Amino acid sequence: MKKLIILLILVSFFSCKKTEIKIPTLPNKGIEKVIYNHSEVWMFFTLNENDTIADINRKNTIATTHWIYNIDKRLPLKTIINSINKLQYKHANSIHSKKGMHDYFSYSDTISKKLSFISFDSISFKTDSLLSKYVIKKSPKKYINFNNINLTFSKNQLLLNDTEIKRSEFKKTLLDFIDFSSDNKITLLHLNFSEDILYADFLNYLTLINNLKTPKIKVDNEMFVFNKTKVPNCNCN
């Protein structure tokens, strides 16, 4: 495969009109194998006066194939998350759905210089403006055997259990904290994303954390996309 340029631009053709989509360019490894038997979902960045809108095209998706989501990196999560939830459900629950077919986000991996993917069909995105710390508090028995760590990502802030940390030191700080706090328990990372962050930032954190997984470090499949104005005591900017 030819070396990818740093800003990978995927080009699609609809109604004889060329449309460009800029997918995220990330320094995190993902799935690099060729995914055969797939359909593609396209989410384009468009502007309507001062509003950012996701222009979605999934006309060619087939339920019996893997689905690859090509999403413009400039889109805020709030413009795409409900559509992702609906499409994810449709892919898994259509009368034509086939077992073993996955949903993938695509991005450009600057390490391998290849188009890479991350599977997200096992992830459940919650959009009811909850945070993981409230869910853990509500169901303590479910999580009692884990070293639970809440990570909250917003546009201008990164929180580790309500304590702000530097983005540039995120990986080191997190691993040091896990080493300090685990007490021989399996660490379970709980992810919370403000709906105003850009898709590129969301996918950067998701792929980075995915690469930290070990038998001793796991990620909860239930992830939260929240509106910070609707969350009590959010402590996030």
C-alpha atoms as a PDB file:
ATOM      1  CA  MET A   1       0.000   0.000   0.000  1.00  0.00           C
ATOM      2  CA  LYS A   2       1.349   3.383  -0.926  1.00  0.00           C
ATOM      3  CA  LYS A   3       2.412   5.738   1.838  1.00  0.00           C
ATOM      4  CA  LEU A   4      -0.494   7.854   3.016  1.00  0.00           C
ATOM      5  CA  ILE A   5      -0.184  11.606   3.200  1.00  0.00           C
ATOM      6  CA  ILE A   6      -0.579  13.113   6.668  1.00  0.00           C
ATOM      7  CA  LEU A   7      -4.060  14.500   5.978  1.00  0.00           C
ATOM      8  CA  LEU A   8      -5.725  11.519   4.394  1.00  0.00           C
ATOM      9  CA  ILE A   9      -8.627  12.519   2.185  1.00  0.00           C
ATOM     10  CA  LEU A  10     -11.104   9.892   1.134  1.00  0.00           C
ATOM     11  CA  VAL A  11     -12.999  10.699  -2.014  1.00  0.00           C
ATOM     12  CA  SER A  12     -16.440   9.393  -2.819  1.00  0.00           C
ATOM     13  CA  PHE A  13     -18.753   9.995  -5.762  1.00  0.00           C
ATOM     14  CA  PHE A  14     -22.450  10.617  -5.367  1.00  0.00           C
ATOM     15  CA  SER A  15     -24.745  11.762  -8.177  1.00  0.00           C
ATOM     16  CA  CYS A  16     -21.678  12.389 -10.383  1.00  0.00           C
ATOM     17  CA  LYS A  17     -20.423  14.934  -7.850  1.00  0.00           C
ATOM     18  CA  LYS A  18     -17.026  14.571  -6.189  1.00  0.00           C
ATOM     19  CA  THR A  19     -17.138  14.951  -2.405  1.00  0.00           C
ATOM     20  CA  GLU A  20     -14.147  14.949  -0.056  1.00  0.00           C
ATOM     21  CA  ILE A  21     -14.037  13.699   3.497  1.00  0.00           C
ATOM     22  CA  LYS A  22     -11.120  14.226   5.872  1.00  0.00           C
ATOM     23  CA  ILE A  23     -10.795  11.322   8.263  1.00  0.00           C
ATOM     24  CA  PRO A  24      -8.674  11.583  11.451  1.00  0.00           C
ATOM     25  CA  THR A  25      -4.902  11.196  11.266  1.00  0.00           C
ATOM     26  CA  LEU A  26      -3.721   9.557  14.506  1.00  0.00           C
ATOM     27  CA  PRO A  27      -0.456   8.245  16.011  1.00  0.00           C
ATOM     28  CA  ASN A  28      -2.163   5.119  17.365  1.00  0.00           C
ATOM     29  CA  LYS A  29      -2.092   1.608  15.956  1.00  0.00           C
ATOM     30  CA  GLY A  30      -5.312  -0.075  14.918  1.00  0.00           C
ATOM     31  CA  ILE A  31      -6.512  -2.950  12.768  1.00  0.00           C
ATOM     32  CA  GLU A  32      -4.461  -2.842   9.587  1.00  0.00           C
ATOM     33  CA  LYS A  33      -5.716  -5.882   7.728  1.00  0.00           C
ATOM     34  CA  VAL A  34      -7.823  -5.553   4.603  1.00  0.00           C
ATOM     35  CA  ILE A  35     -11.495  -5.868   5.554  1.00  0.00           C
ATOM     36  CA  TYR A  36     -13.228  -7.841   2.862  1.00  0.00           C
ATOM     37  CA  ASN A  37     -16.994  -8.038   2.394  1.00  0.00           C
ATOM     38  CA  HIS A  38     -17.741  -4.551   3.654  1.00  0.00           C
ATOM     39  CA  SER A  39     -20.083  -1.624   3.062  1.00  0.00           C
ATOM     40  CA  GLU A  40     -19.276   2.002   3.836  1.00  0.00           C
ATOM     41  CA  VAL A  41     -21.054   4.712   5.794  1.00  0.00           C
ATOM     42  CA  TRP A  42     -20.038   8.284   4.933  1.00  0.00           C
ATOM     43  CA  MET A  43     -20.495  11.250   7.271  1.00  0.00           C
ATOM     44  CA  PHE A  44     -19.522  14.514   5.583  1.00  0.00           C
ATOM     45  CA  PHE A  45     -18.792  17.895   7.135  1.00  0.00           C
ATOM     46  CA  THR A  46     -21.200  20.588   5.904  1.00  0.00           C
ATOM     47  CA  LEU A  47     -22.078  24.096   7.042  1.00  0.00           C
ATOM     48  CA  ASN A  48     -25.565  25.568   7.116  1.00  0.00           C
ATOM     49  CA  GLU A  49     -25.038  29.246   7.895  1.00  0.00           C
ATOM     50  CA  ASN A  50     -23.187  28.994  11.238  1.00  0.00           C
ATOM     51  CA  ASP A  51     -24.258  25.457  12.097  1.00  0.00           C
ATOM     52  CA  THR A  52     -22.118  22.368  11.554  1.00  0.00           C
ATOM     53  CA  ILE A  53     -24.115  19.497  10.111  1.00  0.00           C
ATOM     54  CA  ALA A  54     -23.262  15.879   9.344  1.00  0.00           C
ATOM     55  CA  ASP A  55     -24.364  14.939   5.846  1.00  0.00           C
ATOM     56  CA  ILE A  56     -24.823  11.165   6.033  1.00  0.00           C
ATOM     57  CA  ASN A  57     -24.857   8.710   3.161  1.00  0.00           C
ATOM     58  CA  ARG A  58     -25.388   4.998   3.804  1.00  0.00           C
ATOM     59  CA  LYS A  59     -27.378   4.114   0.680  1.00  0.00           C
ATOM     60  CA  ASN A  60     -25.014   1.326  -0.277  1.00  0.00           C
ATOM     61  CA  THR A  61     -24.819  -0.439   3.094  1.00  0.00           C
ATOM     62  CA  ILE A  62     -25.683  -4.133   3.125  1.00  0.00           C
ATOM     63  CA  ALA A  63     -26.671  -5.800   6.408  1.00  0.00           C
ATOM     64  CA  THR A  64     -24.745  -9.001   5.644  1.00  0.00           C
ATOM     65  CA  THR A  65     -21.388  -7.162   5.397  1.00  0.00           C
ATOM     66  CA  HIS A  66     -19.007  -5.402   7.772  1.00  0.00           C
ATOM     67  CA  TRP A  67     -19.695  -1.659   7.969  1.00  0.00           C
ATOM     68  CA  ILE A  68     -16.850   0.856   7.766  1.00  0.00           C
ATOM     69  CA  TYR A  69     -17.643   4.362   9.031  1.00  0.00           C
ATOM     70  CA  ASN A  70     -15.721   7.126   7.255  1.00  0.00           C
ATOM     71  CA  ILE A  71     -16.405  10.221   9.352  1.00  0.00           C
ATOM     72  CA  ASP A  72     -15.029  13.713   8.824  1.00  0.00           C
ATOM     73  CA  LYS A  73     -12.681  14.646  11.642  1.00  0.00           C
ATOM     74  CA  ARG A  74     -14.165  18.172  11.964  1.00  0.00           C
ATOM     75  CA  LEU A  75     -17.615  16.997  13.076  1.00  0.00           C
ATOM     76  CA  PRO A  76     -18.537  17.427  16.772  1.00  0.00           C
ATOM     77  CA  LEU A  77     -19.807  14.280  18.469  1.00  0.00           C
ATOM     78  CA  LYS A  78     -23.246  15.823  18.970  1.00  0.00           C
ATOM     79  CA  THR A  79     -23.791  15.905  15.194  1.00  0.00           C
ATOM     80  CA  ILE A  80     -23.069  12.198  14.666  1.00  0.00           C
ATOM     81  CA  ILE A  81     -23.600  10.160  17.844  1.00  0.00           C
ATOM     82  CA  ASN A  82     -27.355   9.614  17.453  1.00  0.00           C
ATOM     83  CA  SER A  83     -26.878   8.515  13.849  1.00  0.00           C
ATOM     84  CA  ILE A  84     -24.099   6.137  14.909  1.00  0.00           C
ATOM     85  CA  ASN A  85     -26.389   4.616  17.528  1.00  0.00           C
ATOM     86  CA  LYS A  86     -29.224   4.149  15.032  1.00  0.00           C
ATOM     87  CA  LEU A  87     -26.991   2.650  12.343  1.00  0.00           C
ATOM     88  CA  GLN A  88     -25.271   0.392  14.847  1.00  0.00           C
ATOM     89  CA  TYR A  89     -28.647  -0.928  15.983  1.00  0.00           C
ATOM     90  CA  LYS A  90     -29.865  -1.373  12.416  1.00  0.00           C
ATOM     91  CA  HIS A  91     -26.749  -3.301  11.417  1.00  0.00           C
ATOM     92  CA  ALA A  92     -27.068  -5.662  14.376  1.00  0.00           C
ATOM     93  CA  ASN A  93     -30.841  -6.144  14.354  1.00  0.00           C
ATOM     94  CA  SER A  94     -31.974  -6.098  10.741  1.00  0.00           C
ATOM     95  CA  ILE A  95     -33.792  -9.222   9.536  1.00  0.00           C
ATOM     96  CA  HIS A  96     -30.888  -9.596   7.108  1.00  0.00           C
ATOM     97  CA  SER A  97     -28.155  -9.126   9.739  1.00  0.00           C
ATOM     98  CA  LYS A  98     -25.423 -11.740   9.759  1.00  0.00           C
ATOM     99  CA  LYS A  99     -23.528 -12.922  12.837  1.00  0.00           C
ATOM    100  CA  GLY A 100     -19.867 -11.985  12.929  1.00  0.00           C
ATOM    101  CA  MET A 101     -20.182  -8.745  10.989  1.00  0.00           C
ATOM    102  CA  HIS A 102     -18.526  -5.755  12.681  1.00  0.00           C
ATOM    103  CA  ASP A 103     -18.718  -1.959  12.748  1.00  0.00           C
ATOM    104  CA  TYR A 104     -15.416  -0.119  12.238  1.00  0.00           C
ATOM    105  CA  PHE A 105     -14.259   3.491  12.469  1.00  0.00           C
ATOM    106  CA  SER A 106     -11.579   4.319   9.875  1.00  0.00           C
ATOM    107  CA  TYR A 107      -8.552   6.584  10.313  1.00  0.00           C
ATOM    108  CA  SER A 108      -5.040   7.203   9.016  1.00  0.00           C
ATOM    109  CA  ASP A 109      -2.351   5.641  11.215  1.00  0.00           C
ATOM    110  CA  THR A 110       0.808   7.784  11.077  1.00  0.00           C
ATOM    111  CA  ILE A 111       2.892   4.991  12.634  1.00  0.00           C
ATOM    112  CA  SER A 112       2.269   2.354   9.994  1.00  0.00           C
ATOM    113  CA  LYS A 113       1.402   4.906   7.282  1.00  0.00           C
ATOM    114  CA  LYS A 114      -1.694   2.870   6.523  1.00  0.00           C
ATOM    115  CA  LEU A 115      -5.446   3.126   6.659  1.00  0.00           C
ATOM    116  CA  SER A 116      -6.449   1.576   9.997  1.00  0.00           C
ATOM    117  CA  PHE A 117      -9.639   0.612  11.775  1.00  0.00           C
ATOM    118  CA  ILE A 118     -11.059   0.173  15.252  1.00  0.00           C
ATOM    119  CA  SER A 119     -14.034  -2.080  15.888  1.00  0.00           C
ATOM    120  CA  PHE A 120     -16.850  -0.569  17.956  1.00  0.00           C
ATOM    121  CA  ASP A 121     -19.783  -2.954  17.550  1.00  0.00           C
ATOM    122  CA  SER A 122     -19.389  -4.101  21.174  1.00  0.00           C
ATOM    123  CA  ILE A 123     -19.566  -0.503  22.457  1.00  0.00           C
ATOM    124  CA  SER A 124     -22.833   0.922  23.745  1.00  0.00           C
ATOM    125  CA  PHE A 125     -22.958   4.727  23.563  1.00  0.00           C
ATOM    126  CA  LYS A 126     -25.214   6.295  26.191  1.00  0.00           C
ATOM    127  CA  THR A 127     -26.494   9.779  25.392  1.00  0.00           C
ATOM    128  CA  ASP A 128     -28.778  10.510  28.321  1.00  0.00           C
ATOM    129  CA  SER A 129     -26.334  12.963  29.941  1.00  0.00           C
ATOM    130  CA  LEU A 130     -25.179  10.576  32.626  1.00  0.00           C
ATOM    131  CA  LEU A 131     -21.580  10.080  33.717  1.00  0.00           C
ATOM    132  CA  SER A 132     -19.994   6.756  34.552  1.00  0.00           C
ATOM    133  CA  LYS A 133     -19.308   7.750  38.158  1.00  0.00           C
ATOM    134  CA  TYR A 134     -23.059   8.015  38.812  1.00  0.00           C
ATOM    135  CA  VAL A 135     -23.702   4.606  37.237  1.00  0.00           C
ATOM    136  CA  ILE A 136     -20.993   3.012  39.400  1.00  0.00           C
ATOM    137  CA  LYS A 137     -22.446   4.654  42.490  1.00  0.00           C
ATOM    138  CA  LYS A 138     -25.915   3.385  41.598  1.00  0.00           C
ATOM    139  CA  SER A 139     -24.753  -0.219  41.053  1.00  0.00           C
ATOM    140  CA  PRO A 140     -21.753  -0.684  43.379  1.00  0.00           C
ATOM    141  CA  LYS A 141     -21.985  -4.479  43.527  1.00  0.00           C
ATOM    142  CA  LYS A 142     -21.486  -4.741  39.775  1.00  0.00           C
ATOM    143  CA  TYR A 143     -18.152  -2.933  39.955  1.00  0.00           C
ATOM    144  CA  ILE A 144     -16.875  -3.781  43.425  1.00  0.00           C
ATOM    145  CA  ASN A 145     -14.228  -6.233  42.213  1.00  0.00           C
ATOM    146  CA  PHE A 146     -12.605  -3.727  39.841  1.00  0.00           C
ATOM    147  CA  ASN A 147     -10.240  -0.818  40.220  1.00  0.00           C
ATOM    148  CA  ASN A 148     -12.638   1.664  38.637  1.00  0.00           C
ATOM    149  CA  ILE A 149     -11.219   4.738  36.936  1.00  0.00           C
ATOM    150  CA  ASN A 150     -13.424   7.412  35.383  1.00  0.00           C
ATOM    151  CA  LEU A 151     -11.968   9.331  32.457  1.00  0.00           C
ATOM    152  CA  THR A 152     -13.808  12.414  31.217  1.00  0.00           C
ATOM    153  CA  PHE A 153     -12.845  14.115  27.972  1.00  0.00           C
ATOM    154  CA  SER A 154     -14.171  17.549  27.118  1.00  0.00           C
ATOM    155  CA  LYS A 155     -13.113  20.255  24.699  1.00  0.00           C
ATOM    156  CA  ASN A 156     -10.801  22.087  27.095  1.00  0.00           C
ATOM    157  CA  GLN A 157     -10.211  19.594  29.850  1.00  0.00           C
ATOM    158  CA  LEU A 158      -9.241  16.020  30.680  1.00  0.00           C
ATOM    159  CA  LEU A 159     -10.287  14.547  34.024  1.00  0.00           C
ATOM    160  CA  LEU A 160      -9.060  11.452  35.805  1.00  0.00           C
ATOM    161  CA  ASN A 161     -11.515  10.730  38.615  1.00  0.00           C
ATOM    162  CA  ASP A 162     -12.477  14.424  38.716  1.00  0.00           C
ATOM    163  CA  THR A 163      -8.854  15.582  38.853  1.00  0.00           C
ATOM    164  CA  GLU A 164      -7.642  17.582  35.873  1.00  0.00           C
ATOM    165  CA  ILE A 165      -4.524  16.254  34.154  1.00  0.00           C
ATOM    166  CA  LYS A 166      -2.401  17.507  31.269  1.00  0.00           C
ATOM    167  CA  ARG A 167      -3.236  16.144  27.838  1.00  0.00           C
ATOM    168  CA  SER A 168       0.451  15.871  26.980  1.00  0.00           C
ATOM    169  CA  GLU A 169       1.001  13.617  30.008  1.00  0.00           C
ATOM    170  CA  PHE A 170      -2.230  11.631  29.756  1.00  0.00           C
ATOM    171  CA  LYS A 171      -0.791   8.201  28.999  1.00  0.00           C
ATOM    172  CA  LYS A 172       1.998   8.358  31.600  1.00  0.00           C
ATOM    173  CA  THR A 173      -0.272   9.816  34.284  1.00  0.00           C
ATOM    174  CA  LEU A 174      -2.927   7.179  33.676  1.00  0.00           C
ATOM    175  CA  LEU A 175      -0.495   4.243  33.758  1.00  0.00           C
ATOM    176  CA  ASP A 176       1.192   5.590  36.891  1.00  0.00           C
ATOM    177  CA  PHE A 177      -2.176   5.991  38.588  1.00  0.00           C
ATOM    178  CA  ILE A 178      -3.226   2.460  37.618  1.00  0.00           C
ATOM    179  CA  ASP A 179       0.011   1.083  39.048  1.00  0.00           C
ATOM    180  CA  PHE A 180      -0.571   3.030  42.266  1.00  0.00           C
ATOM    181  CA  SER A 181      -4.282   2.279  42.723  1.00  0.00           C
ATOM    182  CA  SER A 182      -4.926  -1.195  41.321  1.00  0.00           C
ATOM    183  CA  ASP A 183      -4.166  -3.181  44.503  1.00  0.00           C
ATOM    184  CA  ASN A 184      -3.988  -6.380  42.395  1.00  0.00           C
ATOM    185  CA  LYS A 185      -7.454  -5.781  40.971  1.00  0.00           C
ATOM    186  CA  ILE A 186      -8.278  -5.628  37.290  1.00  0.00           C
ATOM    187  CA  THR A 187      -8.557  -1.979  36.281  1.00  0.00           C
ATOM    188  CA  LEU A 188     -11.755  -1.029  34.476  1.00  0.00           C
ATOM    189  CA  LEU A 189     -11.621   2.251  32.560  1.00  0.00           C
ATOM    190  CA  HIS A 190     -14.917   4.123  32.194  1.00  0.00           C
ATOM    191  CA  LEU A 191     -14.996   6.642  29.335  1.00  0.00           C
ATOM    192  CA  ASN A 192     -17.032   9.854  29.206  1.00  0.00           C
ATOM    193  CA  PHE A 193     -16.993  12.237  26.241  1.00  0.00           C
ATOM    194  CA  SER A 194     -18.482  15.713  26.070  1.00  0.00           C
ATOM    195  CA  GLU A 195     -20.689  15.988  23.004  1.00  0.00           C
ATOM    196  CA  ASP A 196     -18.906  19.160  21.914  1.00  0.00           C
ATOM    197  CA  ILE A 197     -15.513  17.546  21.268  1.00  0.00           C
ATOM    198  CA  LEU A 198     -14.534  16.883  17.697  1.00  0.00           C
ATOM    199  CA  TYR A 199     -14.686  13.405  16.251  1.00  0.00           C
ATOM    200  CA  ALA A 200     -10.907  13.515  15.642  1.00  0.00           C
ATOM    201  CA  ASP A 201     -10.239  14.028  19.369  1.00  0.00           C
ATOM    202  CA  PHE A 202     -12.785  11.401  20.353  1.00  0.00           C
ATOM    203  CA  LEU A 203     -11.202   8.799  18.077  1.00  0.00           C
ATOM    204  CA  ASN A 204      -7.702   9.746  19.197  1.00  0.00           C
ATOM    205  CA  TYR A 205      -8.544   8.975  22.827  1.00  0.00           C
ATOM    206  CA  LEU A 206     -10.496   5.855  21.915  1.00  0.00           C
ATOM    207  CA  THR A 207      -7.665   4.355  19.859  1.00  0.00           C
ATOM    208  CA  LEU A 208      -5.017   5.381  22.394  1.00  0.00           C
ATOM    209  CA  ILE A 209      -6.903   3.731  25.246  1.00  0.00           C
ATOM    210  CA  ASN A 210      -7.632   0.681  23.127  1.00  0.00           C
ATOM    211  CA  ASN A 211      -3.860   0.198  22.793  1.00  0.00           C
ATOM    212  CA  LEU A 212      -3.461   0.247  26.578  1.00  0.00           C
ATOM    213  CA  LYS A 213      -5.669  -2.789  27.106  1.00  0.00           C
ATOM    214  CA  THR A 214      -4.057  -5.815  28.762  1.00  0.00           C
ATOM    215  CA  PRO A 215      -5.439  -8.722  30.831  1.00  0.00           C
ATOM    216  CA  LYS A 216      -5.099  -6.336  33.777  1.00  0.00           C
ATOM    217  CA  ILE A 217      -6.505  -3.215  32.093  1.00  0.00           C
ATOM    218  CA  LYS A 218      -9.956  -3.372  30.523  1.00  0.00           C
ATOM    219  CA  VAL A 219     -12.342  -0.786  29.089  1.00  0.00           C
ATOM    220  CA  ASP A 220     -16.037  -0.747  29.927  1.00  0.00           C
ATOM    221  CA  ASN A 221     -18.118  -1.245  26.779  1.00  0.00           C
ATOM    222  CA  GLU A 222     -20.672   1.251  28.085  1.00  0.00           C
ATOM    223  CA  MET A 223     -19.464   4.741  27.155  1.00  0.00           C
ATOM    224  CA  PHE A 224     -21.112   8.074  27.838  1.00  0.00           C
ATOM    225  CA  VAL A 225     -21.569  11.037  25.509  1.00  0.00           C
ATOM    226  CA  PHE A 226     -22.938  13.885  27.591  1.00  0.00           C
ATOM    227  CA  ASN A 227     -24.165  17.445  27.424  1.00  0.00           C
ATOM    228  CA  LYS A 228     -22.214  19.175  30.188  1.00  0.00           C
ATOM    229  CA  THR A 229     -24.999  21.708  30.804  1.00  0.00           C
ATOM    230  CA  LYS A 230     -27.331  18.865  31.756  1.00  0.00           C
ATOM    231  CA  VAL A 231     -25.007  16.934  34.060  1.00  0.00           C
ATOM    232  CA  PRO A 232     -25.153  17.841  37.765  1.00  0.00           C
ATOM    233  CA  ASN A 233     -21.745  18.564  39.324  1.00  0.00           C
ATOM    234  CA  CYS A 234     -20.025  17.848  36.052  1.00  0.00           C
ATOM    235  CA  ASN A 235     -16.845  19.689  37.046  1.00  0.00           C
ATOM    236  CA  CYS A 236     -15.912  19.850  33.350  1.00  0.00           C
ATOM    237  CA  ASN A 237     -15.215  22.680  30.911  1.00  0.00           C
END
